[in-house]
Amino acid sequence: MEEKIFNVDFSYANGGWKINSLYQAYKEGVSLPYDFSDYQLKSPYDKNWLLEFLTDDADKVIIHPLEFFYRCYGHSDELKRVILTYSGNELRNRIFSEAYVEGDKIFI
């Protein structure tokens, strides 16, 4: 298997990534996430969601959201449980602690 390194923008606001699926693209008449000939199931009705990240050279890196989730949040079952269970302010309160400044140091 070939390994490559890509520079991607994780900022949704900057348009660095989007959520797509073969079904959604087919339904909306927009470009498919990847070449349909590469798709093993040969059906435009697959509703699996995919994350599309744009690279610096305008290519796309496409990954299934669960694969991304597990790789980003590691082996912490508690962190994964909290992310899947809570949203909004409750999620932020459970993940992030208050930072405080003491002299020229910031403690988190």
PDB file of N, CA and C in Angstrom:
ATOM      1  N   MET A   1       0.836  -1.169   0.000  1.00  0.00           N
ATOM      2  CA  MET A   1       0.000   0.000   0.000  1.00  0.00           C
ATOM      3  C   MET A   1       0.891   1.247   0.000  1.00  0.00           C
ATOM      4  N   GLU A   2       0.548   2.188  -0.825  1.00  0.00           N
ATOM      5  CA  GLU A   2       1.311   3.424  -0.931  1.00  0.00           C
ATOM      6  C   GLU A   2       0.860   4.411   0.142  1.00  0.00           C
ATOM      7  N   GLU A   3       1.804   5.057   0.779  1.00  0.00           N
ATOM      8  CA  GLU A   3       1.502   6.051   1.804  1.00  0.00           C
ATOM      9  C   GLU A   3       1.844   7.433   1.274  1.00  0.00           C
ATOM     10  N   LYS A   4       0.934   8.389   1.489  1.00  0.00           N
ATOM     11  CA  LYS A   4       1.161   9.764   1.053  1.00  0.00           C
ATOM     12  C   LYS A   4       0.811  10.713   2.184  1.00  0.00           C
ATOM     13  N   ILE A   5       1.439  11.863   2.173  1.00  0.00           N
ATOM     14  CA  ILE A   5       1.144  12.915   3.142  1.00  0.00           C
ATOM     15  C   ILE A   5       0.500  14.068   2.396  1.00  0.00           C
ATOM     16  N   PHE A   6      -0.620  14.563   2.931  1.00  0.00           N
ATOM     17  CA  PHE A   6      -1.351  15.665   2.317  1.00  0.00           C
ATOM     18  C   PHE A   6      -1.500  16.804   3.312  1.00  0.00           C
ATOM     19  N   ASN A   7      -1.471  18.021   2.816  1.00  0.00           N
ATOM     20  CA  ASN A   7      -1.815  19.184   3.628  1.00  0.00           C
ATOM     21  C   ASN A   7      -3.276  19.502   3.364  1.00  0.00           C
ATOM     22  N   VAL A   8      -4.085  19.489   4.431  1.00  0.00           N
ATOM     23  CA  VAL A   8      -5.510  19.782   4.293  1.00  0.00           C
ATOM     24  C   VAL A   8      -5.896  20.878   5.277  1.00  0.00           C
ATOM     25  N   ASP A   9      -6.992  21.559   4.975  1.00  0.00           N
ATOM     26  CA  ASP A   9      -7.528  22.605   5.839  1.00  0.00           C
ATOM     27  C   ASP A   9      -8.707  22.014   6.594  1.00  0.00           C
ATOM     28  N   PHE A  10      -8.613  21.937   7.927  1.00  0.00           N
ATOM     29  CA  PHE A  10      -9.685  21.364   8.731  1.00  0.00           C
ATOM     30  C   PHE A  10     -10.771  22.378   9.060  1.00  0.00           C
ATOM     31  N   SER A  11     -10.660  23.580   8.532  1.00  0.00           N
ATOM     32  CA  SER A  11     -11.631  24.632   8.826  1.00  0.00           C
ATOM     33  C   SER A  11     -12.841  24.518   7.909  1.00  0.00           C
ATOM     34  N   TYR A  12     -13.991  24.264   8.510  1.00  0.00           N
ATOM     35  CA  TYR A  12     -15.229  24.186   7.730  1.00  0.00           C
ATOM     36  C   TYR A  12     -15.582  25.557   7.169  1.00  0.00           C
ATOM     37  N   ALA A  13     -15.340  26.609   7.962  1.00  0.00           N
ATOM     38  CA  ALA A  13     -15.666  27.979   7.539  1.00  0.00           C
ATOM     39  C   ALA A  13     -14.878  28.392   6.302  1.00  0.00           C
ATOM     40  N   ASN A  14     -13.669  27.897   6.145  1.00  0.00           N
ATOM     41  CA  ASN A  14     -12.839  28.229   4.984  1.00  0.00           C
ATOM     42  C   ASN A  14     -13.134  27.329   3.789  1.00  0.00           C
ATOM     43  N   GLY A  15     -14.072  26.427   3.924  1.00  0.00           N
ATOM     44  CA  GLY A  15     -14.385  25.511   2.826  1.00  0.00           C
ATOM     45  C   GLY A  15     -13.356  24.419   2.656  1.00  0.00           C
ATOM     46  N   GLY A  16     -12.591  24.131   3.715  1.00  0.00           N
ATOM     47  CA  GLY A  16     -11.551  23.116   3.636  1.00  0.00           C
ATOM     48  C   GLY A  16     -12.079  21.700   3.565  1.00  0.00           C
ATOM     49  N   TRP A  17     -13.332  21.500   3.998  1.00  0.00           N
ATOM     50  CA  TRP A  17     -13.913  20.165   3.936  1.00  0.00           C
ATOM     51  C   TRP A  17     -15.420  20.272   3.820  1.00  0.00           C
ATOM     52  N   LYS A  18     -16.016  19.163   3.392  1.00  0.00           N
ATOM     53  CA  LYS A  18     -17.471  19.089   3.329  1.00  0.00           C
ATOM     54  C   LYS A  18     -17.906  17.648   3.513  1.00  0.00           C
ATOM     55  N   ILE A  19     -19.182  17.474   3.763  1.00  0.00           N
ATOM     56  CA  ILE A  19     -19.770  16.148   3.916  1.00  0.00           C
ATOM     57  C   ILE A  19     -20.489  15.818   2.613  1.00  0.00           C
ATOM     58  N   ASN A  20     -20.292  14.607   2.119  1.00  0.00           N
ATOM     59  CA  ASN A  20     -20.885  14.224   0.848  1.00  0.00           C
ATOM     60  C   ASN A  20     -21.203  12.731   0.875  1.00  0.00           C
ATOM     61  N   SER A  21     -21.991  12.279  -0.047  1.00  0.00           N
ATOM     62  CA  SER A  21     -22.251  10.851  -0.248  1.00  0.00           C
ATOM     63  C   SER A  21     -22.579  10.654  -1.720  1.00  0.00           C
ATOM     64  N   LEU A  22     -22.455   9.442  -2.185  1.00  0.00           N
ATOM     65  CA  LEU A  22     -22.814   9.169  -3.576  1.00  0.00           C
ATOM     66  C   LEU A  22     -24.285   9.489  -3.804  1.00  0.00           C
ATOM     67  N   TYR A  23     -25.127   9.093  -2.862  1.00  0.00           N
ATOM     68  CA  TYR A  23     -26.559   9.330  -3.002  1.00  0.00           C
ATOM     69  C   TYR A  23     -26.873  10.825  -3.036  1.00  0.00           C
ATOM     70  N   GLN A  24     -26.290  11.581  -2.110  1.00  0.00           N
ATOM     71  CA  GLN A  24     -26.539  13.026  -2.047  1.00  0.00           C
ATOM     72  C   GLN A  24     -26.081  13.719  -3.332  1.00  0.00           C
ATOM     73  N   ALA A  25     -24.906  13.370  -3.794  1.00  0.00           N
ATOM     74  CA  ALA A  25     -24.389  13.965  -5.029  1.00  0.00           C
ATOM     75  C   ALA A  25     -25.285  13.598  -6.214  1.00  0.00           C
ATOM     76  N   TYR A  26     -25.698  12.347  -6.271  1.00  0.00           N
ATOM     77  CA  TYR A  26     -26.572  11.884  -7.353  1.00  0.00           C
ATOM     78  C   TYR A  26     -27.912  12.623  -7.307  1.00  0.00           C
ATOM     79  N   LYS A  27     -28.482  12.739  -6.101  1.00  0.00           N
ATOM     80  CA  LYS A  27     -29.779  13.385  -5.916  1.00  0.00           C
ATOM     81  C   LYS A  27     -29.736  14.872  -6.279  1.00  0.00           C
ATOM     82  N   GLU A  28     -28.634  15.556  -5.913  1.00  0.00           N
ATOM     83  CA  GLU A  28     -28.509  16.994  -6.170  1.00  0.00           C
ATOM     84  C   GLU A  28     -27.914  17.302  -7.537  1.00  0.00           C
ATOM     85  N   GLY A  29     -27.456  16.276  -8.240  1.00  0.00           N
ATOM     86  CA  GLY A  29     -26.879  16.487  -9.557  1.00  0.00           C
ATOM     87  C   GLY A  29     -25.531  17.187  -9.532  1.00  0.00           C
ATOM     88  N   VAL A  30     -24.784  17.006  -8.435  1.00  0.00           N
ATOM     89  CA  VAL A  30     -23.448  17.603  -8.332  1.00  0.00           C
ATOM     90  C   VAL A  30     -22.398  16.515  -8.543  1.00  0.00           C
ATOM     91  N   SER A  31     -21.135  16.914  -8.596  1.00  0.00           N
ATOM     92  CA  SER A  31     -20.075  15.943  -8.867  1.00  0.00           C
ATOM     93  C   SER A  31     -19.981  14.914  -7.742  1.00  0.00           C
ATOM     94  N   LEU A  32     -19.693  13.691  -8.126  1.00  0.00           N
ATOM     95  CA  LEU A  32     -19.546  12.605  -7.164  1.00  0.00           C
ATOM     96  C   LEU A  32     -18.272  12.808  -6.353  1.00  0.00           C
ATOM     97  N   PRO A  33     -18.229  12.272  -5.131  1.00  0.00           N
ATOM     98  CA  PRO A  33     -17.033  12.420  -4.304  1.00  0.00           C
ATOM     99  C   PRO A  33     -15.775  11.851  -4.955  1.00  0.00           C
ATOM    100  N   TYR A  34     -15.933  10.782  -5.743  1.00  0.00           N
ATOM    101  CA  TYR A  34     -14.801  10.190  -6.461  1.00  0.00           C
ATOM    102  C   TYR A  34     -15.325   9.494  -7.705  1.00  0.00           C
ATOM    103  N   ASP A  35     -14.421   9.064  -8.535  1.00  0.00           N
ATOM    104  CA  ASP A  35     -14.776   8.422  -9.799  1.00  0.00           C
ATOM    105  C   ASP A  35     -15.629   7.181  -9.529  1.00  0.00           C
ATOM    106  N   PHE A  36     -16.801   7.163 -10.113  1.00  0.00           N
ATOM    107  CA  PHE A  36     -17.751   6.076  -9.872  1.00  0.00           C
ATOM    108  C   PHE A  36     -17.179   4.714 -10.253  1.00  0.00           C
ATOM    109  N   SER A  37     -16.277   4.665 -11.207  1.00  0.00           N
ATOM    110  CA  SER A  37     -15.690   3.378 -11.617  1.00  0.00           C
ATOM    111  C   SER A  37     -14.837   2.768 -10.499  1.00  0.00           C
ATOM    112  N   ASP A  38     -14.399   3.592  -9.526  1.00  0.00           N
ATOM    113  CA  ASP A  38     -13.626   3.092  -8.388  1.00  0.00           C
ATOM    114  C   ASP A  38     -14.510   2.520  -7.288  1.00  0.00           C
ATOM    115  N   TYR A  39     -15.813   2.699  -7.401  1.00  0.00           N
ATOM    116  CA  TYR A  39     -16.743   2.302  -6.353  1.00  0.00           C
ATOM    117  C   TYR A  39     -17.125   0.832  -6.504  1.00  0.00           C
ATOM    118  N   GLN A  40     -16.913   0.060  -5.461  1.00  0.00           N
ATOM    119  CA  GLN A  40     -17.101  -1.390  -5.530  1.00  0.00           C
ATOM    120  C   GLN A  40     -18.563  -1.825  -5.644  1.00  0.00           C
ATOM    121  N   LEU A  41     -19.489  -1.090  -5.029  1.00  0.00           N
ATOM    122  CA  LEU A  41     -20.886  -1.531  -5.030  1.00  0.00           C
ATOM    123  C   LEU A  41     -21.635  -1.159  -6.300  1.00  0.00           C
ATOM    124  N   LYS A  42     -21.079  -0.281  -7.087  1.00  0.00           N
ATOM    125  CA  LYS A  42     -21.662   0.113  -8.377  1.00  0.00           C
ATOM    126  C   LYS A  42     -23.110   0.597  -8.255  1.00  0.00           C
ATOM    127  N   SER A  43     -23.400   1.349  -7.197  1.00  0.00           N
ATOM    128  CA  SER A  43     -24.743   1.892  -7.000  1.00  0.00           C
ATOM    129  C   SER A  43     -24.659   3.353  -6.571  1.00  0.00           C
ATOM    130  N   PRO A  44     -25.329   4.251  -7.281  1.00  0.00           N
ATOM    131  CA  PRO A  44     -25.313   5.658  -6.887  1.00  0.00           C
ATOM    132  C   PRO A  44     -26.223   5.939  -5.694  1.00  0.00           C
ATOM    133  N   TYR A  45     -26.886   4.910  -5.173  1.00  0.00           N
ATOM    134  CA  TYR A  45     -27.840   5.108  -4.081  1.00  0.00           C
ATOM    135  C   TYR A  45     -27.254   4.824  -2.704  1.00  0.00           C
ATOM    136  N   ASP A  46     -25.943   4.638  -2.611  1.00  0.00           N
ATOM    137  CA  ASP A  46     -25.292   4.394  -1.327  1.00  0.00           C
ATOM    138  C   ASP A  46     -25.385   5.658  -0.479  1.00  0.00           C
ATOM    139  N   LYS A  47     -25.947   5.540   0.721  1.00  0.00           N
ATOM    140  CA  LYS A  47     -26.157   6.704   1.582  1.00  0.00           C
ATOM    141  C   LYS A  47     -25.074   6.861   2.648  1.00  0.00           C
ATOM    142  N   ASN A  48     -23.965   6.128   2.536  1.00  0.00           N
ATOM    143  CA  ASN A  48     -22.861   6.331   3.468  1.00  0.00           C
ATOM    144  C   ASN A  48     -22.287   7.724   3.270  1.00  0.00           C
ATOM    145  N   TRP A  49     -22.134   8.449   4.366  1.00  0.00           N
ATOM    146  CA  TRP A  49     -21.563   9.792   4.292  1.00  0.00           C
ATOM    147  C   TRP A  49     -20.050   9.704   4.238  1.00  0.00           C
ATOM    148  N   LEU A  50     -19.444  10.659   3.577  1.00  0.00           N
ATOM    149  CA  LEU A  50     -17.994  10.730   3.435  1.00  0.00           C
ATOM    150  C   LEU A  50     -17.535  12.140   3.758  1.00  0.00           C
ATOM    151  N   LEU A  51     -16.334  12.258   4.309  1.00  0.00           N
ATOM    152  CA  LEU A  51     -15.719  13.566   4.517  1.00  0.00           C
ATOM    153  C   LEU A  51     -14.774  13.824   3.359  1.00  0.00           C
ATOM    154  N   GLU A  52     -14.925  14.976   2.728  1.00  0.00           N
ATOM    155  CA  GLU A  52     -14.048  15.380   1.620  1.00  0.00           C
ATOM    156  C   GLU A  52     -13.177  16.530   2.093  1.00  0.00           C
ATOM    157  N   PHE A  53     -11.876  16.327   2.098  1.00  0.00           N
ATOM    158  CA  PHE A  53     -10.928  17.379   2.449  1.00  0.00           C
ATOM    159  C   PHE A  53     -10.209  17.825   1.187  1.00  0.00           C
ATOM    160  N   LEU A  54     -10.128  19.129   0.982  1.00  0.00           N
ATOM    161  CA  LEU A  54      -9.370  19.651  -0.154  1.00  0.00           C
ATOM    162  C   LEU A  54      -7.910  19.769   0.237  1.00  0.00           C
ATOM    163  N   THR A  55      -7.024  19.386  -0.677  1.00  0.00           N
ATOM    164  CA  THR A  55      -5.591  19.494  -0.418  1.00  0.00           C
ATOM    165  C   THR A  55      -5.066  20.808  -0.982  1.00  0.00           C
ATOM    166  N   ASP A  56      -3.816  21.113  -0.654  1.00  0.00           N
ATOM    167  CA  ASP A  56      -3.186  22.344  -1.155  1.00  0.00           C
ATOM    168  C   ASP A  56      -3.164  22.406  -2.675  1.00  0.00           C
ATOM    169  N   ASP A  57      -3.043  21.254  -3.317  1.00  0.00           N
ATOM    170  CA  ASP A  57      -2.976  21.242  -4.784  1.00  0.00           C
ATOM    171  C   ASP A  57      -4.334  20.918  -5.421  1.00  0.00           C
ATOM    172  N   ALA A  58      -5.424  21.221  -4.703  1.00  0.00           N
ATOM    173  CA  ALA A  58      -6.808  21.112  -5.191  1.00  0.00           C
ATOM    174  C   ALA A  58      -7.269  19.677  -5.452  1.00  0.00           C
ATOM    175  N   ASP A  59      -6.556  18.690  -4.933  1.00  0.00           N
ATOM    176  CA  ASP A  59      -7.041  17.313  -4.970  1.00  0.00           C
ATOM    177  C   ASP A  59      -7.972  17.102  -3.781  1.00  0.00           C
ATOM    178  N   LYS A  60      -8.541  15.906  -3.678  1.00  0.00           N
ATOM    179  CA  LYS A  60      -9.425  15.584  -2.561  1.00  0.00           C
ATOM    180  C   LYS A  60      -8.901  14.371  -1.812  1.00  0.00           C
ATOM    181  N   VAL A  61      -9.008  14.422  -0.491  1.00  0.00           N
ATOM    182  CA  VAL A  61      -8.789  13.257   0.351  1.00  0.00           C
ATOM    183  C   VAL A  61     -10.164  12.908   0.902  1.00  0.00           C
ATOM    184  N   ILE A  62     -10.618  11.681   0.651  1.00  0.00           N
ATOM    185  CA  ILE A  62     -11.953  11.254   1.062  1.00  0.00           C
ATOM    186  C   ILE A  62     -11.812  10.150   2.104  1.00  0.00           C
ATOM    187  N   ILE A  63     -12.528  10.315   3.215  1.00  0.00           N
ATOM    188  CA  ILE A  63     -12.442   9.341   4.299  1.00  0.00           C
ATOM    189  C   ILE A  63     -13.821   9.171   4.925  1.00  0.00           C
ATOM    190  N   HIS A  64     -14.119   7.958   5.336  1.00  0.00           N
ATOM    191  CA  HIS A  64     -15.385   7.689   6.015  1.00  0.00           C
ATOM    192  C   HIS A  64     -15.338   8.357   7.397  1.00  0.00           C
ATOM    193  N   PRO A  65     -16.428   8.985   7.844  1.00  0.00           N
ATOM    194  CA  PRO A  65     -16.427   9.707   9.123  1.00  0.00           C
ATOM    195  C   PRO A  65     -16.032   8.854  10.328  1.00  0.00           C
ATOM    196  N   LEU A  66     -16.428   7.583  10.365  1.00  0.00           N
ATOM    197  CA  LEU A  66     -16.047   6.754  11.509  1.00  0.00           C
ATOM    198  C   LEU A  66     -14.549   6.493  11.541  1.00  0.00           C
ATOM    199  N   GLU A  67     -13.958   6.294  10.388  1.00  0.00           N
ATOM    200  CA  GLU A  67     -12.502   6.109  10.319  1.00  0.00           C
ATOM    201  C   GLU A  67     -11.797   7.364  10.823  1.00  0.00           C
ATOM    202  N   PHE A  68     -12.272   8.515  10.388  1.00  0.00           N
ATOM    203  CA  PHE A  68     -11.702   9.795  10.830  1.00  0.00           C
ATOM    204  C   PHE A  68     -11.869   9.948  12.339  1.00  0.00           C
ATOM    205  N   PHE A  69     -13.053   9.658  12.835  1.00  0.00           N
ATOM    206  CA  PHE A  69     -13.366   9.781  14.257  1.00  0.00           C
ATOM    207  C   PHE A  69     -12.429   8.919  15.100  1.00  0.00           C
ATOM    208  N   TYR A  70     -12.277   7.646  14.750  1.00  0.00           N
ATOM    209  CA  TYR A  70     -11.432   6.751  15.536  1.00  0.00           C
ATOM    210  C   TYR A  70      -9.961   7.132  15.472  1.00  0.00           C
ATOM    211  N   ARG A  71      -9.508   7.569  14.326  1.00  0.00           N
ATOM    212  CA  ARG A  71      -8.098   7.952  14.214  1.00  0.00           C
ATOM    213  C   ARG A  71      -7.791   9.252  14.942  1.00  0.00           C
ATOM    214  N   CYS A  72      -8.752  10.178  14.953  1.00  0.00           N
ATOM    215  CA  CYS A  72      -8.521  11.468  15.607  1.00  0.00           C
ATOM    216  C   CYS A  72      -8.660  11.398  17.123  1.00  0.00           C
ATOM    217  N   TYR A  73      -9.565  10.574  17.604  1.00  0.00           N
ATOM    218  CA  TYR A  73      -9.843  10.557  19.032  1.00  0.00           C
ATOM    219  C   TYR A  73      -9.279   9.335  19.729  1.00  0.00           C
ATOM    220  N   GLY A  74      -8.475   8.584  19.037  1.00  0.00           N
ATOM    221  CA  GLY A  74      -7.675   7.535  19.634  1.00  0.00           C
ATOM    222  C   GLY A  74      -8.429   6.453  20.377  1.00  0.00           C
ATOM    223  N   HIS A  75      -7.809   5.983  21.440  1.00  0.00           N
ATOM    224  CA  HIS A  75      -8.322   4.841  22.183  1.00  0.00           C
ATOM    225  C   HIS A  75      -9.106   5.243  23.421  1.00  0.00           C
ATOM    226  N   SER A  76      -9.378   6.526  23.596  1.00  0.00           N
ATOM    227  CA  SER A  76     -10.104   6.980  24.775  1.00  0.00           C
ATOM    228  C   SER A  76     -11.599   6.708  24.612  1.00  0.00           C
ATOM    229  N   ASP A  77     -12.064   5.652  25.236  1.00  0.00           N
ATOM    230  CA  ASP A  77     -13.490   5.328  25.161  1.00  0.00           C
ATOM    231  C   ASP A  77     -14.341   6.428  25.771  1.00  0.00           C
ATOM    232  N   GLU A  78     -13.853   7.035  26.847  1.00  0.00           N
ATOM    233  CA  GLU A  78     -14.625   8.102  27.500  1.00  0.00           C
ATOM    234  C   GLU A  78     -14.774   9.311  26.590  1.00  0.00           C
ATOM    235  N   LEU A  79     -13.702   9.717  25.926  1.00  0.00           N
ATOM    236  CA  LEU A  79     -13.782  10.863  25.019  1.00  0.00           C
ATOM    237  C   LEU A  79     -14.747  10.571  23.872  1.00  0.00           C
ATOM    238  N   LYS A  80     -14.663   9.390  23.299  1.00  0.00           N
ATOM    239  CA  LYS A  80     -15.580   9.035  22.214  1.00  0.00           C
ATOM    240  C   LYS A  80     -17.028   9.009  22.707  1.00  0.00           C
ATOM    241  N   ARG A  81     -17.259   8.502  23.916  1.00  0.00           N
ATOM    242  CA  ARG A  81     -18.609   8.460  24.474  1.00  0.00           C
ATOM    243  C   ARG A  81     -19.164   9.865  24.661  1.00  0.00           C
ATOM    244  N   VAL A  82     -18.343  10.767  25.206  1.00  0.00           N
ATOM    245  CA  VAL A  82     -18.781  12.144  25.444  1.00  0.00           C
ATOM    246  C   VAL A  82     -19.099  12.839  24.123  1.00  0.00           C
ATOM    247  N   ILE A  83     -18.250  12.671  23.122  1.00  0.00           N
ATOM    248  CA  ILE A  83     -18.479  13.322  21.823  1.00  0.00           C
ATOM    249  C   ILE A  83     -19.757  12.800  21.168  1.00  0.00           C
ATOM    250  N   LEU A  84     -20.020  11.513  21.297  1.00  0.00           N
ATOM    251  CA  LEU A  84     -21.223  10.947  20.687  1.00  0.00           C
ATOM    252  C   LEU A  84     -22.496  11.234  21.484  1.00  0.00           C
ATOM    253  N   THR A  85     -22.352  11.532  22.784  1.00  0.00           N
ATOM    254  CA  THR A  85     -23.513  11.705  23.652  1.00  0.00           C
ATOM    255  C   THR A  85     -23.979  13.149  23.764  1.00  0.00           C
ATOM    256  N   TYR A  86     -23.033  14.087  23.836  1.00  0.00           N
ATOM    257  CA  TYR A  86     -23.379  15.475  24.129  1.00  0.00           C
ATOM    258  C   TYR A  86     -23.119  16.378  22.934  1.00  0.00           C
ATOM    259  N   SER A  87     -23.734  17.548  22.955  1.00  0.00           N
ATOM    260  CA  SER A  87     -23.497  18.535  21.900  1.00  0.00           C
ATOM    261  C   SER A  87     -23.460  19.931  22.509  1.00  0.00           C
ATOM    262  N   GLY A  88     -23.071  20.887  21.701  1.00  0.00           N
ATOM    263  CA  GLY A  88     -23.088  22.292  22.102  1.00  0.00           C
ATOM    264  C   GLY A  88     -22.275  22.585  23.346  1.00  0.00           C
ATOM    265  N   ASN A  89     -22.852  23.414  24.217  1.00  0.00           N
ATOM    266  CA  ASN A  89     -22.150  23.847  25.427  1.00  0.00           C
ATOM    267  C   ASN A  89     -21.836  22.692  26.366  1.00  0.00           C
ATOM    268  N   GLU A  90     -22.738  21.732  26.461  1.00  0.00           N
ATOM    269  CA  GLU A  90     -22.488  20.592  27.349  1.00  0.00           C
ATOM    270  C   GLU A  90     -21.255  19.810  26.891  1.00  0.00           C
ATOM    271  N   LEU A  91     -21.100  19.626  25.597  1.00  0.00           N
ATOM    272  CA  LEU A  91     -19.914  18.952  25.067  1.00  0.00           C
ATOM    273  C   LEU A  91     -18.660  19.752  25.396  1.00  0.00           C
ATOM    274  N   ARG A  92     -18.695  21.064  25.139  1.00  0.00           N
ATOM    275  CA  ARG A  92     -17.527  21.909  25.438  1.00  0.00           C
ATOM    276  C   ARG A  92     -17.184  21.875  26.925  1.00  0.00           C
ATOM    277  N   ASN A  93     -18.195  21.921  27.792  1.00  0.00           N
ATOM    278  CA  ASN A  93     -17.950  21.887  29.237  1.00  0.00           C
ATOM    279  C   ASN A  93     -17.304  20.583  29.675  1.00  0.00           C
ATOM    280  N   ARG A  94     -17.650  19.499  29.037  1.00  0.00           N
ATOM    281  CA  ARG A  94     -17.101  18.200  29.425  1.00  0.00           C
ATOM    282  C   ARG A  94     -15.703  17.947  28.851  1.00  0.00           C
ATOM    283  N   ILE A  95     -15.381  18.573  27.730  1.00  0.00           N
ATOM    284  CA  ILE A  95     -14.076  18.342  27.098  1.00  0.00           C
ATOM    285  C   ILE A  95     -13.030  19.360  27.531  1.00  0.00           C
ATOM    286  N   PHE A  96     -13.404  20.633  27.553  1.00  0.00           N
ATOM    287  CA  PHE A  96     -12.433  21.690  27.812  1.00  0.00           C
ATOM    288  C   PHE A  96     -12.527  22.181  29.244  1.00  0.00           C
ATOM    289  N   SER A  97     -11.376  22.400  29.844  1.00  0.00           N
ATOM    290  CA  SER A  97     -11.351  23.001  31.171  1.00  0.00           C
ATOM    291  C   SER A  97     -11.110  24.498  31.026  1.00  0.00           C
ATOM    292  N   GLU A  98     -11.354  25.227  32.086  1.00  0.00           N
ATOM    293  CA  GLU A  98     -11.115  26.667  32.070  1.00  0.00           C
ATOM    294  C   GLU A  98      -9.607  26.928  32.074  1.00  0.00           C
ATOM    295  N   ALA A  99      -9.164  27.834  31.249  1.00  0.00           N
ATOM    296  CA  ALA A  99      -7.754  28.235  31.234  1.00  0.00           C
ATOM    297  C   ALA A  99      -7.592  29.426  32.168  1.00  0.00           C
ATOM    298  N   TYR A 100      -6.461  29.498  32.835  1.00  0.00           N
ATOM    299  CA  TYR A 100      -6.189  30.677  33.653  1.00  0.00           C
ATOM    300  C   TYR A 100      -4.747  31.109  33.448  1.00  0.00           C
ATOM    301  N   VAL A 101      -4.535  32.399  33.636  1.00  0.00           N
ATOM    302  CA  VAL A 101      -3.223  32.997  33.389  1.00  0.00           C
ATOM    303  C   VAL A 101      -2.569  33.307  34.725  1.00  0.00           C
ATOM    304  N   GLU A 102      -1.294  32.938  34.827  1.00  0.00           N
ATOM    305  CA  GLU A 102      -0.501  33.250  36.014  1.00  0.00           C
ATOM    306  C   GLU A 102       0.834  33.785  35.527  1.00  0.00           C
ATOM    307  N   GLY A 103       0.987  35.099  35.591  1.00  0.00           N
ATOM    308  CA  GLY A 103       2.178  35.728  35.037  1.00  0.00           C
ATOM    309  C   GLY A 103       2.177  35.603  33.528  1.00  0.00           C
ATOM    310  N   ASP A 104       3.254  35.053  32.971  1.00  0.00           N
ATOM    311  CA  ASP A 104       3.330  34.886  31.520  1.00  0.00           C
ATOM    312  C   ASP A 104       2.987  33.456  31.084  1.00  0.00           C
ATOM    313  N   LYS A 105       2.392  32.679  31.995  1.00  0.00           N
ATOM    314  CA  LYS A 105       2.038  31.298  31.685  1.00  0.00           C
ATOM    315  C   LYS A 105       0.523  31.136  31.633  1.00  0.00           C
ATOM    316  N   ILE A 106       0.074  30.305  30.705  1.00  0.00           N
ATOM    317  CA  ILE A 106      -1.343  29.980  30.590  1.00  0.00           C
ATOM    318  C   ILE A 106      -1.508  28.514  30.973  1.00  0.00           C
ATOM    319  N   PHE A 107      -2.389  28.257  31.931  1.00  0.00           N
ATOM    320  CA  PHE A 107      -2.639  26.895  32.394  1.00  0.00           C
ATOM    321  C   PHE A 107      -4.009  26.442  31.911  1.00  0.00           C
ATOM    322  N   ILE A 108      -4.045  25.214  31.427  1.00  0.00           N
ATOM    323  CA  ILE A 108      -5.316  24.666  30.946  1.00  0.00           C
ATOM    324  C   ILE A 108      -5.680  23.473  31.794  1.00  0.00           C
TER     325      ILE A 108
END
